[in-house]
Amino acid sequence: MSSDKIDKIKENPIGTIKDFKMTDGSGVGVQVEFESGLSTWFFEDEVELAQ
């Protein structure tokens, strides 16, 4: 991931899960859209639920 994307996520790490996809047959990836408009994929173990 580029340093620009990382910086944008650090500014506001709260986002909305917009989609799911199977990764390698045993995992699930999630597409997260942030308030900045940035949208990117993560493995399920790279995100956590904000309450």
PDB file of N, CA and C in Angstrom:
ATOM      1  N   MET A   1       0.851  -1.162   0.000  1.00  0.00           N
ATOM      2  CA  MET A   1       0.000   0.000   0.000  1.00  0.00           C
ATOM      3  C   MET A   1       0.903   1.233   0.000  1.00  0.00           C
ATOM      4  N   SER A   2       0.531   2.226  -0.765  1.00  0.00           N
ATOM      5  CA  SER A   2       1.342   3.441  -0.871  1.00  0.00           C
ATOM      6  C   SER A   2       1.309   4.252   0.423  1.00  0.00           C
ATOM      7  N   SER A   3       2.362   5.023   0.639  1.00  0.00           N
ATOM      8  CA  SER A   3       2.417   5.857   1.844  1.00  0.00           C
ATOM      9  C   SER A   3       1.306   6.904   1.841  1.00  0.00           C
ATOM     10  N   ASP A   4       0.881   7.358   0.652  1.00  0.00           N
ATOM     11  CA  ASP A   4      -0.219   8.328   0.561  1.00  0.00           C
ATOM     12  C   ASP A   4      -1.513   7.717   1.113  1.00  0.00           C
ATOM     13  N   LYS A   5      -1.810   6.465   0.722  1.00  0.00           N
ATOM     14  CA  LYS A   5      -3.007   5.795   1.231  1.00  0.00           C
ATOM     15  C   LYS A   5      -2.922   5.598   2.738  1.00  0.00           C
ATOM     16  N   ILE A   6      -1.767   5.194   3.209  1.00  0.00           N
ATOM     17  CA  ILE A   6      -1.580   4.975   4.646  1.00  0.00           C
ATOM     18  C   ILE A   6      -1.808   6.266   5.419  1.00  0.00           C
ATOM     19  N   ASP A   7      -1.273   7.378   4.903  1.00  0.00           N
ATOM     20  CA  ASP A   7      -1.463   8.676   5.565  1.00  0.00           C
ATOM     21  C   ASP A   7      -2.937   9.066   5.623  1.00  0.00           C
ATOM     22  N   LYS A   8      -3.679   8.834   4.524  1.00  0.00           N
ATOM     23  CA  LYS A   8      -5.108   9.162   4.506  1.00  0.00           C
ATOM     24  C   LYS A   8      -5.881   8.315   5.509  1.00  0.00           C
ATOM     25  N   ILE A   9      -5.523   7.048   5.614  1.00  0.00           N
ATOM     26  CA  ILE A   9      -6.205   6.163   6.563  1.00  0.00           C
ATOM     27  C   ILE A   9      -5.886   6.579   7.992  1.00  0.00           C
ATOM     28  N   LYS A  10      -4.644   6.952   8.263  1.00  0.00           N
ATOM     29  CA  LYS A  10      -4.266   7.384   9.615  1.00  0.00           C
ATOM     30  C   LYS A  10      -4.999   8.648  10.034  1.00  0.00           C
ATOM     31  N   GLU A  11      -5.308   9.535   9.070  1.00  0.00           N
ATOM     32  CA  GLU A  11      -6.039  10.763   9.383  1.00  0.00           C
ATOM     33  C   GLU A  11      -7.426  10.457   9.933  1.00  0.00           C
ATOM     34  N   ASN A  12      -8.100   9.476   9.338  1.00  0.00           N
ATOM     35  CA  ASN A  12      -9.436   9.071   9.788  1.00  0.00           C
ATOM     36  C   ASN A  12      -9.605   7.593   9.445  1.00  0.00           C
ATOM     37  N   PRO A  13      -9.317   6.709  10.391  1.00  0.00           N
ATOM     38  CA  PRO A  13      -9.330   5.271  10.099  1.00  0.00           C
ATOM     39  C   PRO A  13     -10.712   4.609  10.121  1.00  0.00           C
ATOM     40  N   ILE A  14     -11.770   5.387  10.238  1.00  0.00           N
ATOM     41  CA  ILE A  14     -13.120   4.827  10.265  1.00  0.00           C
ATOM     42  C   ILE A  14     -13.663   4.764   8.838  1.00  0.00           C
ATOM     43  N   GLY A  15     -14.194   3.607   8.457  1.00  0.00           N
ATOM     44  CA  GLY A  15     -14.750   3.449   7.121  1.00  0.00           C
ATOM     45  C   GLY A  15     -15.944   2.517   7.154  1.00  0.00           C
ATOM     46  N   THR A  16     -16.506   2.298   5.984  1.00  0.00           N
ATOM     47  CA  THR A  16     -17.679   1.444   5.829  1.00  0.00           C
ATOM     48  C   THR A  16     -17.328   0.281   4.919  1.00  0.00           C
ATOM     49  N   ILE A  17     -17.669  -0.936   5.339  1.00  0.00           N
ATOM     50  CA  ILE A  17     -17.448  -2.104   4.484  1.00  0.00           C
ATOM     51  C   ILE A  17     -18.462  -2.054   3.356  1.00  0.00           C
ATOM     52  N   LYS A  18     -17.958  -2.059   2.124  1.00  0.00           N
ATOM     53  CA  LYS A  18     -18.828  -1.948   0.955  1.00  0.00           C
ATOM     54  C   LYS A  18     -18.992  -3.266   0.204  1.00  0.00           C
ATOM     55  N   ASP A  19     -18.038  -4.201   0.388  1.00  0.00           N
ATOM     56  CA  ASP A  19     -18.112  -5.443  -0.374  1.00  0.00           C
ATOM     57  C   ASP A  19     -17.234  -6.495   0.297  1.00  0.00           C
ATOM     58  N   PHE A  20     -17.484  -7.752  -0.029  1.00  0.00           N
ATOM     59  CA  PHE A  20     -16.696  -8.881   0.444  1.00  0.00           C
ATOM     60  C   PHE A  20     -16.240  -9.685  -0.765  1.00  0.00           C
ATOM     61  N   LYS A  21     -15.126 -10.401  -0.636  1.00  0.00           N
ATOM     62  CA  LYS A  21     -14.721 -11.334  -1.689  1.00  0.00           C
ATOM     63  C   LYS A  21     -13.891 -12.442  -1.071  1.00  0.00           C
ATOM     64  N   MET A  22     -13.958 -13.606  -1.679  1.00  0.00           N
ATOM     65  CA  MET A  22     -13.130 -14.729  -1.235  1.00  0.00           C
ATOM     66  C   MET A  22     -11.699 -14.437  -1.667  1.00  0.00           C
ATOM     67  N   THR A  23     -10.749 -14.717  -0.793  1.00  0.00           N
ATOM     68  CA  THR A  23      -9.350 -14.438  -1.111  1.00  0.00           C
ATOM     69  C   THR A  23      -8.700 -15.658  -1.757  1.00  0.00           C
ATOM     70  N   ASP A  24      -8.292 -16.613  -0.971  1.00  0.00           N
ATOM     71  CA  ASP A  24      -7.598 -17.782  -1.514  1.00  0.00           C
ATOM     72  C   ASP A  24      -8.395 -19.066  -1.309  1.00  0.00           C
ATOM     73  N   GLY A  25      -9.675 -18.929  -1.173  1.00  0.00           N
ATOM     74  CA  GLY A  25     -10.529 -20.084  -0.954  1.00  0.00           C
ATOM     75  C   GLY A  25     -10.808 -20.356   0.510  1.00  0.00           C
ATOM     76  N   SER A  26     -10.026 -19.766   1.411  1.00  0.00           N
ATOM     77  CA  SER A  26     -10.257 -20.012   2.824  1.00  0.00           C
ATOM     78  C   SER A  26     -10.433 -18.727   3.626  1.00  0.00           C
ATOM     79  N   GLY A  27     -10.282 -17.579   2.985  1.00  0.00           N
ATOM     80  CA  GLY A  27     -10.403 -16.309   3.691  1.00  0.00           C
ATOM     81  C   GLY A  27     -11.354 -15.370   2.984  1.00  0.00           C
ATOM     82  N   VAL A  28     -11.662 -14.296   3.666  1.00  0.00           N
ATOM     83  CA  VAL A  28     -12.568 -13.287   3.120  1.00  0.00           C
ATOM     84  C   VAL A  28     -11.855 -11.943   3.133  1.00  0.00           C
ATOM     85  N   GLY A  29     -11.954 -11.235   2.035  1.00  0.00           N
ATOM     86  CA  GLY A  29     -11.447  -9.870   1.968  1.00  0.00           C
ATOM     87  C   GLY A  29     -12.610  -8.903   2.055  1.00  0.00           C
ATOM     88  N   VAL A  30     -12.330  -7.701   2.529  1.00  0.00           N
ATOM     89  CA  VAL A  30     -13.375  -6.686   2.623  1.00  0.00           C
ATOM     90  C   VAL A  30     -12.917  -5.414   1.923  1.00  0.00           C
ATOM     91  N   GLN A  31     -13.831  -4.797   1.191  1.00  0.00           N
ATOM     92  CA  GLN A  31     -13.563  -3.503   0.581  1.00  0.00           C
ATOM     93  C   GLN A  31     -14.083  -2.448   1.544  1.00  0.00           C
ATOM     94  N   VAL A  32     -13.191  -1.561   1.975  1.00  0.00           N
ATOM     95  CA  VAL A  32     -13.562  -0.515   2.918  1.00  0.00           C
ATOM     96  C   VAL A  32     -13.496   0.835   2.219  1.00  0.00           C
ATOM     97  N   GLU A  33     -14.557   1.618   2.376  1.00  0.00           N
ATOM     98  CA  GLU A  33     -14.591   2.975   1.832  1.00  0.00           C
ATOM     99  C   GLU A  33     -14.508   3.952   3.003  1.00  0.00           C
ATOM    100  N   PHE A  34     -13.522   4.844   2.950  1.00  0.00           N
ATOM    101  CA  PHE A  34     -13.302   5.825   4.002  1.00  0.00           C
ATOM    102  C   PHE A  34     -13.986   7.136   3.648  1.00  0.00           C
ATOM    103  N   GLU A  35     -14.204   7.985   4.651  1.00  0.00           N
ATOM    104  CA  GLU A  35     -14.884   9.266   4.431  1.00  0.00           C
ATOM    105  C   GLU A  35     -14.141  10.153   3.453  1.00  0.00           C
ATOM    106  N   SER A  36     -12.833   9.962   3.318  1.00  0.00           N
ATOM    107  CA  SER A  36     -12.033  10.755   2.378  1.00  0.00           C
ATOM    108  C   SER A  36     -12.315  10.376   0.924  1.00  0.00           C
ATOM    109  N   GLY A  37     -13.070   9.285   0.732  1.00  0.00           N
ATOM    110  CA  GLY A  37     -13.353   8.807  -0.620  1.00  0.00           C
ATOM    111  C   GLY A  37     -12.446   7.660  -1.030  1.00  0.00           C
ATOM    112  N   LEU A  38     -11.390   7.424  -0.268  1.00  0.00           N
ATOM    113  CA  LEU A  38     -10.471   6.322  -0.525  1.00  0.00           C
ATOM    114  C   LEU A  38     -11.193   5.005  -0.320  1.00  0.00           C
ATOM    115  N   SER A  39     -10.994   4.076  -1.220  1.00  0.00           N
ATOM    116  CA  SER A  39     -11.579   2.754  -1.107  1.00  0.00           C
ATOM    117  C   SER A  39     -10.486   1.738  -1.403  1.00  0.00           C
ATOM    118  N   THR A  40     -10.333   0.735  -0.530  1.00  0.00           N
ATOM    119  CA  THR A  40      -9.295  -0.267  -0.719  1.00  0.00           C
ATOM    120  C   THR A  40      -9.695  -1.580  -0.066  1.00  0.00           C
ATOM    121  N   TRP A  41      -9.010  -2.668  -0.461  1.00  0.00           N
ATOM    122  CA  TRP A  41      -9.291  -4.003   0.057  1.00  0.00           C
ATOM    123  C   TRP A  41      -8.374  -4.338   1.212  1.00  0.00           C
ATOM    124  N   PHE A  42      -8.913  -5.095   2.181  1.00  0.00           N
ATOM    125  CA  PHE A  42      -8.150  -5.595   3.318  1.00  0.00           C
ATOM    126  C   PHE A  42      -8.516  -7.063   3.536  1.00  0.00           C
ATOM    127  N   PHE A  43      -7.598  -7.820   4.127  1.00  0.00           N
ATOM    128  CA  PHE A  43      -7.939  -9.152   4.608  1.00  0.00           C
ATOM    129  C   PHE A  43      -8.748  -8.965   5.890  1.00  0.00           C
ATOM    130  N   GLU A  44      -9.597  -9.935   6.196  1.00  0.00           N
ATOM    131  CA  GLU A  44     -10.494  -9.797   7.349  1.00  0.00           C
ATOM    132  C   GLU A  44      -9.743  -9.601   8.661  1.00  0.00           C
ATOM    133  N   ASP A  45      -8.518 -10.109   8.779  1.00  0.00           N
ATOM    134  CA  ASP A  45      -7.767  -9.948  10.024  1.00  0.00           C
ATOM    135  C   ASP A  45      -7.069  -8.593  10.116  1.00  0.00           C
ATOM    136  N   GLU A  46      -7.214  -7.750   9.096  1.00  0.00           N
ATOM    137  CA  GLU A  46      -6.597  -6.417   9.089  1.00  0.00           C
ATOM    138  C   GLU A  46      -7.567  -5.309   9.492  1.00  0.00           C
ATOM    139  N   VAL A  47      -8.827  -5.675   9.729  1.00  0.00           N
ATOM    140  CA  VAL A  47      -9.833  -4.679  10.113  1.00  0.00           C
ATOM    141  C   VAL A  47     -10.474  -5.089  11.429  1.00  0.00           C
ATOM    142  N   GLU A  48     -11.026  -4.109  12.133  1.00  0.00           N
ATOM    143  CA  GLU A  48     -11.765  -4.409  13.349  1.00  0.00           C
ATOM    144  C   GLU A  48     -13.004  -3.533  13.404  1.00  0.00           C
ATOM    145  N   LEU A  49     -14.019  -4.044  14.056  1.00  0.00           N
ATOM    146  CA  LEU A  49     -15.301  -3.357  14.179  1.00  0.00           C
ATOM    147  C   LEU A  49     -15.167  -2.159  15.114  1.00  0.00           C
ATOM    148  N   ALA A  50     -15.599  -1.009  14.663  1.00  0.00           N
ATOM    149  CA  ALA A  50     -15.628   0.195  15.512  1.00  0.00           C
ATOM    150  C   ALA A  50     -17.035   0.305  16.093  1.00  0.00           C
ATOM    151  N   GLN A  51     -17.100   0.567  17.382  1.00  0.00           N
ATOM    152  CA  GLN A  51     -18.414   0.656  18.011  1.00  0.00           C
ATOM    153  C   GLN A  51     -18.639   2.000  18.630  1.00  0.00           C
TER     154      GLN A  51
END
